[in-house]
Amino acid sequence: MLVEFQQALADLTASPELCVRVRRDPSILHRNYELTEREWRRLVGIVRHPGMACACMVYRANRLARPCAKYSTNVQGVGRGVARRRIGILGDLPRRKCAFLY
């Protein structure tokens, strides 16, 4: 069931905790999603792949990109005290220009 497979993959990418649980007990996928045997095997393989940790990190980074991009504008409206804190928190990070799909 393609829709169930896609939902399971999205849920796994968004939740490293779910990935860990599925690695320990792959039958979780059968209990939570209506998958064919082929889809189930493919998801188990994806979860066990070392690159899945990277996929989860990229997902979380993309979720933060929009609020972080708006953060500078919001700080200007709040005042200089908050701007100083922002520099203290984010000052060590390299400046990058990233394009993400919103």
PDB file of N, CA and C in Angstrom:
ATOM      1  N   MET A   1       0.846  -1.160   0.000  1.00  0.00           N
ATOM      2  CA  MET A   1       0.000   0.000   0.000  1.00  0.00           C
ATOM      3  C   MET A   1       0.900   1.234   0.000  1.00  0.00           C
ATOM      4  N   LEU A   2       1.044   1.844  -1.140  1.00  0.00           N
ATOM      5  CA  LEU A   2       2.003   2.919  -1.337  1.00  0.00           C
ATOM      6  C   LEU A   2       1.821   4.064  -0.336  1.00  0.00           C
ATOM      7  N   VAL A   3       0.584   4.434  -0.072  1.00  0.00           N
ATOM      8  CA  VAL A   3       0.339   5.546   0.854  1.00  0.00           C
ATOM      9  C   VAL A   3       0.871   5.196   2.237  1.00  0.00           C
ATOM     10  N   GLU A   4       0.641   3.987   2.686  1.00  0.00           N
ATOM     11  CA  GLU A   4       1.127   3.551   3.997  1.00  0.00           C
ATOM     12  C   GLU A   4       2.656   3.519   4.028  1.00  0.00           C
ATOM     13  N   PHE A   5       3.271   3.063   2.946  1.00  0.00           N
ATOM     14  CA  PHE A   5       4.725   3.038   2.856  1.00  0.00           C
ATOM     15  C   PHE A   5       5.282   4.451   2.962  1.00  0.00           C
ATOM     16  N   GLN A   6       4.683   5.375   2.213  1.00  0.00           N
ATOM     17  CA  GLN A   6       5.155   6.757   2.241  1.00  0.00           C
ATOM     18  C   GLN A   6       4.980   7.370   3.627  1.00  0.00           C
ATOM     19  N   GLN A   7       3.855   7.084   4.267  1.00  0.00           N
ATOM     20  CA  GLN A   7       3.623   7.616   5.613  1.00  0.00           C
ATOM     21  C   GLN A   7       4.629   7.032   6.600  1.00  0.00           C
ATOM     22  N   ALA A   8       4.883   5.743   6.495  1.00  0.00           N
ATOM     23  CA  ALA A   8       5.853   5.103   7.388  1.00  0.00           C
ATOM     24  C   ALA A   8       7.245   5.695   7.187  1.00  0.00           C
ATOM     25  N   LEU A   9       7.648   5.897   5.943  1.00  0.00           N
ATOM     26  CA  LEU A   9       8.964   6.471   5.665  1.00  0.00           C
ATOM     27  C   LEU A   9       9.057   7.892   6.216  1.00  0.00           C
ATOM     28  N   ALA A  10       7.998   8.678   6.044  1.00  0.00           N
ATOM     29  CA  ALA A  10       7.988  10.046   6.582  1.00  0.00           C
ATOM     30  C   ALA A  10       8.066  10.022   8.103  1.00  0.00           C
ATOM     31  N   ASP A  11       7.313   9.128   8.739  1.00  0.00           N
ATOM     32  CA  ASP A  11       7.329   9.024  10.202  1.00  0.00           C
ATOM     33  C   ASP A  11       8.703   8.608  10.704  1.00  0.00           C
ATOM     34  N   LEU A  12       9.331   7.673  10.013  1.00  0.00           N
ATOM     35  CA  LEU A  12      10.663   7.216  10.419  1.00  0.00           C
ATOM     36  C   LEU A  12      11.697   8.328  10.266  1.00  0.00           C
ATOM     37  N   THR A  13      11.616   9.065   9.183  1.00  0.00           N
ATOM     38  CA  THR A  13      12.568  10.156   8.953  1.00  0.00           C
ATOM     39  C   THR A  13      12.403  11.249  10.006  1.00  0.00           C
ATOM     40  N   ALA A  14      11.180  11.486  10.424  1.00  0.00           N
ATOM     41  CA  ALA A  14      10.909  12.542  11.407  1.00  0.00           C
ATOM     42  C   ALA A  14      11.182  12.107  12.838  1.00  0.00           C
ATOM     43  N   SER A  15      11.368  10.822  13.080  1.00  0.00           N
ATOM     44  CA  SER A  15      11.493  10.343  14.455  1.00  0.00           C
ATOM     45  C   SER A  15      12.643   9.350  14.610  1.00  0.00           C
ATOM     46  N   PRO A  16      13.801   9.832  15.036  1.00  0.00           N
ATOM     47  CA  PRO A  16      14.907   8.912  15.297  1.00  0.00           C
ATOM     48  C   PRO A  16      14.542   7.862  16.355  1.00  0.00           C
ATOM     49  N   GLU A  17      13.681   8.248  17.295  1.00  0.00           N
ATOM     50  CA  GLU A  17      13.252   7.299  18.332  1.00  0.00           C
ATOM     51  C   GLU A  17      12.486   6.130  17.720  1.00  0.00           C
ATOM     52  N   LEU A  18      11.631   6.429  16.742  1.00  0.00           N
ATOM     53  CA  LEU A  18      10.900   5.355  16.058  1.00  0.00           C
ATOM     54  C   LEU A  18      11.867   4.458  15.300  1.00  0.00           C
ATOM     55  N   CYS A  19      12.881   5.037  14.684  1.00  0.00           N
ATOM     56  CA  CYS A  19      13.892   4.230  13.990  1.00  0.00           C
ATOM     57  C   CYS A  19      14.562   3.245  14.945  1.00  0.00           C
ATOM     58  N   VAL A  20      14.922   3.718  16.114  1.00  0.00           N
ATOM     59  CA  VAL A  20      15.573   2.846  17.105  1.00  0.00           C
ATOM     60  C   VAL A  20      14.633   1.721  17.510  1.00  0.00           C
ATOM     61  N   ARG A  21      13.354   2.051  17.743  1.00  0.00           N
ATOM     62  CA  ARG A  21      12.384   1.016  18.136  1.00  0.00           C
ATOM     63  C   ARG A  21      12.193  -0.009  17.023  1.00  0.00           C
ATOM     64  N   VAL A  22      12.157   0.465  15.763  1.00  0.00           N
ATOM     65  CA  VAL A  22      11.971  -0.452  14.626  1.00  0.00           C
ATOM     66  C   VAL A  22      13.206  -1.331  14.440  1.00  0.00           C
ATOM     67  N   ARG A  23      14.396  -0.788  14.703  1.00  0.00           N
ATOM     68  CA  ARG A  23      15.605  -1.621  14.626  1.00  0.00           C
ATOM     69  C   ARG A  23      15.523  -2.769  15.633  1.00  0.00           C
ATOM     70  N   ARG A  24      15.025  -2.473  16.826  1.00  0.00           N
ATOM     71  CA  ARG A  24      14.895  -3.522  17.853  1.00  0.00           C
ATOM     72  C   ARG A  24      13.764  -4.495  17.542  1.00  0.00           C
ATOM     73  N   ASP A  25      12.657  -3.958  17.025  1.00  0.00           N
ATOM     74  CA  ASP A  25      11.475  -4.788  16.775  1.00  0.00           C
ATOM     75  C   ASP A  25      10.811  -4.356  15.467  1.00  0.00           C
ATOM     76  N   PRO A  26      11.254  -4.916  14.334  1.00  0.00           N
ATOM     77  CA  PRO A  26      10.708  -4.514  13.035  1.00  0.00           C
ATOM     78  C   PRO A  26       9.212  -4.787  12.864  1.00  0.00           C
ATOM     79  N   SER A  27       8.650  -5.644  13.695  1.00  0.00           N
ATOM     80  CA  SER A  27       7.215  -5.933  13.572  1.00  0.00           C
ATOM     81  C   SER A  27       6.357  -4.712  13.902  1.00  0.00           C
ATOM     82  N   ILE A  28       6.937  -3.705  14.507  1.00  0.00           N
ATOM     83  CA  ILE A  28       6.219  -2.453  14.771  1.00  0.00           C
ATOM     84  C   ILE A  28       5.627  -1.904  13.470  1.00  0.00           C
ATOM     85  N   LEU A  29       6.383  -2.045  12.400  1.00  0.00           N
ATOM     86  CA  LEU A  29       5.905  -1.529  11.116  1.00  0.00           C
ATOM     87  C   LEU A  29       4.629  -2.229  10.683  1.00  0.00           C
ATOM     88  N   HIS A  30       4.563  -3.545  10.857  1.00  0.00           N
ATOM     89  CA  HIS A  30       3.343  -4.283  10.493  1.00  0.00           C
ATOM     90  C   HIS A  30       2.169  -3.885  11.384  1.00  0.00           C
ATOM     91  N   ARG A  31       2.443  -3.611  12.646  1.00  0.00           N
ATOM     92  CA  ARG A  31       1.360  -3.238  13.573  1.00  0.00           C
ATOM     93  C   ARG A  31       0.822  -1.838  13.297  1.00  0.00           C
ATOM     94  N   ASN A  32       1.690  -0.928  12.862  1.00  0.00           N
ATOM     95  CA  ASN A  32       1.279   0.464  12.701  1.00  0.00           C
ATOM     96  C   ASN A  32       0.881   0.851  11.282  1.00  0.00           C
ATOM     97  N   TYR A  33       1.312   0.068  10.305  1.00  0.00           N
ATOM     98  CA  TYR A  33       1.058   0.421   8.904  1.00  0.00           C
ATOM     99  C   TYR A  33       0.632  -0.821   8.131  1.00  0.00           C
ATOM    100  N   GLU A  34      -0.173  -0.610   7.125  1.00  0.00           N
ATOM    101  CA  GLU A  34      -0.605  -1.700   6.252  1.00  0.00           C
ATOM    102  C   GLU A  34       0.371  -1.769   5.080  1.00  0.00           C
ATOM    103  N   LEU A  35       1.382  -2.632   5.210  1.00  0.00           N
ATOM    104  CA  LEU A  35       2.466  -2.714   4.233  1.00  0.00           C
ATOM    105  C   LEU A  35       2.495  -4.076   3.567  1.00  0.00           C
ATOM    106  N   THR A  36       2.932  -4.078   2.314  1.00  0.00           N
ATOM    107  CA  THR A  36       3.205  -5.365   1.674  1.00  0.00           C
ATOM    108  C   THR A  36       4.512  -5.890   2.258  1.00  0.00           C
ATOM    109  N   GLU A  37       4.801  -7.147   2.018  1.00  0.00           N
ATOM    110  CA  GLU A  37       6.054  -7.731   2.516  1.00  0.00           C
ATOM    111  C   GLU A  37       7.268  -7.010   1.916  1.00  0.00           C
ATOM    112  N   ARG A  38       7.170  -6.682   0.642  1.00  0.00           N
ATOM    113  CA  ARG A  38       8.272  -5.973  -0.021  1.00  0.00           C
ATOM    114  C   ARG A  38       8.498  -4.590   0.604  1.00  0.00           C
ATOM    115  N   GLU A  39       7.411  -3.849   0.846  1.00  0.00           N
ATOM    116  CA  GLU A  39       7.533  -2.529   1.470  1.00  0.00           C
ATOM    117  C   GLU A  39       8.127  -2.643   2.870  1.00  0.00           C
ATOM    118  N   TRP A  40       7.675  -3.651   3.618  1.00  0.00           N
ATOM    119  CA  TRP A  40       8.185  -3.865   4.977  1.00  0.00           C
ATOM    120  C   TRP A  40       9.685  -4.137   4.958  1.00  0.00           C
ATOM    121  N   ARG A  41      10.111  -5.030   4.064  1.00  0.00           N
ATOM    122  CA  ARG A  41      11.547  -5.345   3.959  1.00  0.00           C
ATOM    123  C   ARG A  41      12.359  -4.110   3.570  1.00  0.00           C
ATOM    124  N   ARG A  42      11.814  -3.341   2.665  1.00  0.00           N
ATOM    125  CA  ARG A  42      12.522  -2.132   2.226  1.00  0.00           C
ATOM    126  C   ARG A  42      12.660  -1.130   3.382  1.00  0.00           C
ATOM    127  N   LEU A  43      11.609  -0.927   4.147  1.00  0.00           N
ATOM    128  CA  LEU A  43      11.680  -0.004   5.288  1.00  0.00           C
ATOM    129  C   LEU A  43      12.643  -0.499   6.360  1.00  0.00           C
ATOM    130  N   VAL A  44      12.633  -1.791   6.621  1.00  0.00           N
ATOM    131  CA  VAL A  44      13.575  -2.349   7.602  1.00  0.00           C
ATOM    132  C   VAL A  44      15.009  -2.116   7.122  1.00  0.00           C
ATOM    133  N   GLY A  45      15.249  -2.308   5.843  1.00  0.00           N
ATOM    134  CA  GLY A  45      16.578  -2.051   5.290  1.00  0.00           C
ATOM    135  C   GLY A  45      16.972  -0.583   5.388  1.00  0.00           C
ATOM    136  N   ILE A  46      16.029   0.301   5.134  1.00  0.00           N
ATOM    137  CA  ILE A  46      16.299   1.743   5.222  1.00  0.00           C
ATOM    138  C   ILE A  46      16.647   2.129   6.657  1.00  0.00           C
ATOM    139  N   VAL A  47      15.884   1.625   7.603  1.00  0.00           N
ATOM    140  CA  VAL A  47      16.111   1.962   9.016  1.00  0.00           C
ATOM    141  C   VAL A  47      17.472   1.455   9.488  1.00  0.00           C
ATOM    142  N   ARG A  48      17.891   0.323   8.984  1.00  0.00           N
ATOM    143  CA  ARG A  48      19.180  -0.249   9.396  1.00  0.00           C
ATOM    144  C   ARG A  48      20.369   0.376   8.678  1.00  0.00           C
ATOM    145  N   HIS A  49      20.112   1.139   7.625  1.00  0.00           N
ATOM    146  CA  HIS A  49      21.198   1.747   6.862  1.00  0.00           C
ATOM    147  C   HIS A  49      21.833   2.888   7.668  1.00  0.00           C
ATOM    148  N   PRO A  50      23.178   2.985   7.666  1.00  0.00           N
ATOM    149  CA  PRO A  50      23.845   4.053   8.424  1.00  0.00           C
ATOM    150  C   PRO A  50      23.436   5.465   7.977  1.00  0.00           C
ATOM    151  N   GLY A  51      23.023   5.616   6.737  1.00  0.00           N
ATOM    152  CA  GLY A  51      22.629   6.931   6.235  1.00  0.00           C
ATOM    153  C   GLY A  51      21.314   7.442   6.798  1.00  0.00           C
ATOM    154  N   MET A  52      20.551   6.578   7.463  1.00  0.00           N
ATOM    155  CA  MET A  52      19.265   7.018   8.009  1.00  0.00           C
ATOM    156  C   MET A  52      19.462   8.079   9.085  1.00  0.00           C
ATOM    157  N   ALA A  53      20.521   7.993   9.849  1.00  0.00           N
ATOM    158  CA  ALA A  53      20.787   9.014  10.867  1.00  0.00           C
ATOM    159  C   ALA A  53      20.971  10.375  10.204  1.00  0.00           C
ATOM    160  N   CYS A  54      21.636  10.387   9.071  1.00  0.00           N
ATOM    161  CA  CYS A  54      21.843  11.638   8.326  1.00  0.00           C
ATOM    162  C   CYS A  54      20.505  12.163   7.791  1.00  0.00           C
ATOM    163  N   ALA A  55      19.675  11.280   7.292  1.00  0.00           N
ATOM    164  CA  ALA A  55      18.358  11.699   6.787  1.00  0.00           C
ATOM    165  C   ALA A  55      17.536  12.344   7.891  1.00  0.00           C
ATOM    166  N   CYS A  56      17.605  11.779   9.095  1.00  0.00           N
ATOM    167  CA  CYS A  56      16.875  12.357  10.229  1.00  0.00           C
ATOM    168  C   CYS A  56      17.429  13.736  10.580  1.00  0.00           C
ATOM    169  N   MET A  57      18.752  13.893  10.521  1.00  0.00           N
ATOM    170  CA  MET A  57      19.359  15.196  10.821  1.00  0.00           C
ATOM    171  C   MET A  57      18.965  16.243   9.784  1.00  0.00           C
ATOM    172  N   VAL A  58      18.982  15.870   8.517  1.00  0.00           N
ATOM    173  CA  VAL A  58      18.599  16.808   7.457  1.00  0.00           C
ATOM    174  C   VAL A  58      17.141  17.214   7.623  1.00  0.00           C
ATOM    175  N   TYR A  59      16.290  16.263   7.979  1.00  0.00           N
ATOM    176  CA  TYR A  59      14.876  16.574   8.213  1.00  0.00           C
ATOM    177  C   TYR A  59      14.743  17.623   9.311  1.00  0.00           C
ATOM    178  N   ARG A  60      15.442  17.409  10.427  1.00  0.00           N
ATOM    179  CA  ARG A  60      15.341  18.365  11.542  1.00  0.00           C
ATOM    180  C   ARG A  60      15.931  19.716  11.159  1.00  0.00           C
ATOM    181  N   ALA A  61      17.016  19.728  10.405  1.00  0.00           N
ATOM    182  CA  ALA A  61      17.612  20.992   9.966  1.00  0.00           C
ATOM    183  C   ALA A  61      16.648  21.760   9.065  1.00  0.00           C
ATOM    184  N   ASN A  62      15.975  21.060   8.179  1.00  0.00           N
ATOM    185  CA  ASN A  62      15.005  21.715   7.306  1.00  0.00           C
ATOM    186  C   ASN A  62      13.834  22.281   8.094  1.00  0.00           C
ATOM    187  N   ARG A  63      13.435  21.594   9.155  1.00  0.00           N
ATOM    188  CA  ARG A  63      12.338  22.088   9.990  1.00  0.00           C
ATOM    189  C   ARG A  63      12.727  23.379  10.703  1.00  0.00           C
ATOM    190  N   LEU A  64      14.007  23.538  10.998  1.00  0.00           N
ATOM    191  CA  LEU A  64      14.476  24.728  11.711  1.00  0.00           C
ATOM    192  C   LEU A  64      14.855  25.869  10.777  1.00  0.00           C
ATOM    193  N   ALA A  65      15.047  25.597   9.499  1.00  0.00           N
ATOM    194  CA  ALA A  65      15.554  26.611   8.577  1.00  0.00           C
ATOM    195  C   ALA A  65      14.642  27.831   8.500  1.00  0.00           C
ATOM    196  N   ARG A  66      13.373  27.619   8.366  1.00  0.00           N
ATOM    197  CA  ARG A  66      12.430  28.745   8.223  1.00  0.00           C
ATOM    198  C   ARG A  66      12.399  29.618   9.477  1.00  0.00           C
ATOM    199  N   PRO A  67      12.204  29.051  10.684  1.00  0.00           N
ATOM    200  CA  PRO A  67      12.208  29.916  11.877  1.00  0.00           C
ATOM    201  C   PRO A  67      13.538  30.645  12.064  1.00  0.00           C
ATOM    202  N   CYS A  68      14.641  29.981  11.762  1.00  0.00           N
ATOM    203  CA  CYS A  68      15.947  30.631  11.912  1.00  0.00           C
ATOM    204  C   CYS A  68      16.114  31.768  10.915  1.00  0.00           C
ATOM    205  N   ALA A  69      15.604  31.583   9.708  1.00  0.00           N
ATOM    206  CA  ALA A  69      15.695  32.634   8.701  1.00  0.00           C
ATOM    207  C   ALA A  69      14.897  33.860   9.129  1.00  0.00           C
ATOM    208  N   LYS A  70      13.785  33.643   9.802  1.00  0.00           N
ATOM    209  CA  LYS A  70      12.943  34.741  10.270  1.00  0.00           C
ATOM    210  C   LYS A  70      13.442  35.338  11.580  1.00  0.00           C
ATOM    211  N   TYR A  71      14.331  34.633  12.270  1.00  0.00           N
ATOM    212  CA  TYR A  71      14.788  35.041  13.594  1.00  0.00           C
ATOM    213  C   TYR A  71      15.417  36.426  13.579  1.00  0.00           C
ATOM    214  N   SER A  72      16.272  36.713  12.612  1.00  0.00           N
ATOM    215  CA  SER A  72      16.941  38.019  12.541  1.00  0.00           C
ATOM    216  C   SER A  72      15.931  39.148  12.443  1.00  0.00           C
ATOM    217  N   THR A  73      14.926  38.993  11.617  1.00  0.00           N
ATOM    218  CA  THR A  73      13.895  40.014  11.462  1.00  0.00           C
ATOM    219  C   THR A  73      13.131  40.213  12.759  1.00  0.00           C
ATOM    220  N   ASN A  74      12.801  39.121  13.429  1.00  0.00           N
ATOM    221  CA  ASN A  74      12.065  39.215  14.691  1.00  0.00           C
ATOM    222  C   ASN A  74      12.893  39.904  15.764  1.00  0.00           C
ATOM    223  N   VAL A  75      14.187  39.640  15.795  1.00  0.00           N
ATOM    224  CA  VAL A  75      15.054  40.240  16.801  1.00  0.00           C
ATOM    225  C   VAL A  75      15.101  41.748  16.628  1.00  0.00           C
ATOM    226  N   GLN A  76      15.105  42.224  15.409  1.00  0.00           N
ATOM    227  CA  GLN A  76      15.144  43.666  15.173  1.00  0.00           C
ATOM    228  C   GLN A  76      13.928  44.344  15.788  1.00  0.00           C
ATOM    229  N   GLY A  77      12.804  43.666  15.756  1.00  0.00           N
ATOM    230  CA  GLY A  77      11.595  44.232  16.338  1.00  0.00           C
ATOM    231  C   GLY A  77      11.576  44.190  17.850  1.00  0.00           C
ATOM    232  N   VAL A  78      12.322  43.317  18.457  1.00  0.00           N
ATOM    233  CA  VAL A  78      12.297  43.150  19.916  1.00  0.00           C
ATOM    234  C   VAL A  78      13.277  44.097  20.598  1.00  0.00           C
ATOM    235  N   GLY A  79      14.440  44.271  20.036  1.00  0.00           N
ATOM    236  CA  GLY A  79      15.374  45.203  20.652  1.00  0.00           C
ATOM    237  C   GLY A  79      16.796  44.699  20.673  1.00  0.00           C
ATOM    238  N   ARG A  80      17.705  45.577  21.084  1.00  0.00           N
ATOM    239  CA  ARG A  80      19.129  45.279  21.044  1.00  0.00           C
ATOM    240  C   ARG A  80      19.562  44.234  22.071  1.00  0.00           C
ATOM    241  N   GLY A  81      18.919  44.169  23.216  1.00  0.00           N
ATOM    242  CA  GLY A  81      19.298  43.189  24.248  1.00  0.00           C
ATOM    243  C   GLY A  81      19.194  41.765  23.733  1.00  0.00           C
ATOM    244  N   VAL A  82      18.120  41.487  23.036  1.00  0.00           N
ATOM    245  CA  VAL A  82      17.939  40.149  22.478  1.00  0.00           C
ATOM    246  C   VAL A  82      18.945  39.909  21.362  1.00  0.00           C
ATOM    247  N   ALA A  83      19.218  40.944  20.581  1.00  0.00           N
ATOM    248  CA  ALA A  83      20.192  40.801  19.491  1.00  0.00           C
ATOM    249  C   ALA A  83      21.561  40.431  20.050  1.00  0.00           C
ATOM    250  N   ARG A  84      21.942  41.018  21.175  1.00  0.00           N
ATOM    251  CA  ARG A  84      23.232  40.679  21.785  1.00  0.00           C
ATOM    252  C   ARG A  84      23.251  39.210  22.215  1.00  0.00           C
ATOM    253  N   ARG A  85      22.156  38.739  22.764  1.00  0.00           N
ATOM    254  CA  ARG A  85      22.078  37.329  23.171  1.00  0.00           C
ATOM    255  C   ARG A  85      22.190  36.424  21.951  1.00  0.00           C
ATOM    256  N   ARG A  86      21.546  36.810  20.870  1.00  0.00           N
ATOM    257  CA  ARG A  86      21.599  36.009  19.643  1.00  0.00           C
ATOM    258  C   ARG A  86      23.039  35.894  19.158  1.00  0.00           C
ATOM    259  N   ILE A  87      23.761  36.992  19.180  1.00  0.00           N
ATOM    260  CA  ILE A  87      25.159  36.961  18.744  1.00  0.00           C
ATOM    261  C   ILE A  87      25.958  36.043  19.656  1.00  0.00           C
ATOM    262  N   GLY A  88      25.670  36.085  20.954  1.00  0.00           N
ATOM    263  CA  GLY A  88      26.365  35.206  21.890  1.00  0.00           C
ATOM    264  C   GLY A  88      26.071  33.742  21.630  1.00  0.00           C
ATOM    265  N   ILE A  89      24.842  33.441  21.275  1.00  0.00           N
ATOM    266  CA  ILE A  89      24.441  32.049  21.048  1.00  0.00           C
ATOM    267  C   ILE A  89      24.916  31.562  19.684  1.00  0.00           C
ATOM    268  N   LEU A  90      24.727  32.371  18.672  1.00  0.00           N
ATOM    269  CA  LEU A  90      24.991  31.948  17.300  1.00  0.00           C
ATOM    270  C   LEU A  90      26.283  32.514  16.723  1.00  0.00           C
ATOM    271  N   GLY A  91      27.000  33.311  17.502  1.00  0.00           N
ATOM    272  CA  GLY A  91      28.181  33.987  16.983  1.00  0.00           C
ATOM    273  C   GLY A  91      29.261  33.060  16.472  1.00  0.00           C
ATOM    274  N   ASP A  92      29.386  31.874  17.048  1.00  0.00           N
ATOM    275  CA  ASP A  92      30.439  30.950  16.641  1.00  0.00           C
ATOM    276  C   ASP A  92      30.091  30.151  15.385  1.00  0.00           C
ATOM    277  N   LEU A  93      28.849  30.203  14.970  1.00  0.00           N
ATOM    278  CA  LEU A  93      28.429  29.423  13.804  1.00  0.00           C
ATOM    279  C   LEU A  93      28.811  30.142  12.518  1.00  0.00           C
ATOM    280  N   PRO A  94      29.265  29.399  11.513  1.00  0.00           N
ATOM    281  CA  PRO A  94      29.588  30.037  10.233  1.00  0.00           C
ATOM    282  C   PRO A  94      28.320  30.543   9.560  1.00  0.00           C
ATOM    283  N   ARG A  95      28.421  31.676   8.889  1.00  0.00           N
ATOM    284  CA  ARG A  95      27.269  32.210   8.170  1.00  0.00           C
ATOM    285  C   ARG A  95      27.128  31.444   6.856  1.00  0.00           C
ATOM    286  N   ARG A  96      25.937  31.013   6.594  1.00  0.00           N
ATOM    287  CA  ARG A  96      25.668  30.265   5.370  1.00  0.00           C
ATOM    288  C   ARG A  96      24.376  30.761   4.767  1.00  0.00           C
ATOM    289  N   LYS A  97      24.296  30.628   3.492  1.00  0.00           N
ATOM    290  CA  LYS A  97      23.064  30.950   2.789  1.00  0.00           C
ATOM    291  C   LYS A  97      22.520  29.629   2.275  1.00  0.00           C
ATOM    292  N   CYS A  98      21.390  29.227   2.794  1.00  0.00           N
ATOM    293  CA  CYS A  98      20.803  27.933   2.429  1.00  0.00           C
ATOM    294  C   CYS A  98      19.457  28.150   1.759  1.00  0.00           C
ATOM    295  N   ALA A  99      19.156  27.345   0.797  1.00  0.00           N
ATOM    296  CA  ALA A  99      17.853  27.390   0.142  1.00  0.00           C
ATOM    297  C   ALA A  99      17.122  26.091   0.447  1.00  0.00           C
ATOM    298  N   PHE A 100      15.978  26.217   1.061  1.00  0.00           N
ATOM    299  CA  PHE A 100      15.163  25.053   1.392  1.00  0.00           C
ATOM    300  C   PHE A 100      13.772  25.256   0.807  1.00  0.00           C
ATOM    301  N   LEU A 101      13.094  24.183   0.540  1.00  0.00           N
ATOM    302  CA  LEU A 101      11.712  24.258   0.073  1.00  0.00           C
ATOM    303  C   LEU A 101      10.814  24.533   1.265  1.00  0.00           C
ATOM    304  N   TYR A 102       9.984  25.548   1.168  1.00  0.00           N
ATOM    305  CA  TYR A 102       9.059  25.874   2.279  1.00  0.00           C
ATOM    306  C   TYR A 102       7.692  25.429   1.906  1.00  0.00           C
TER     307      TYR A 102
END
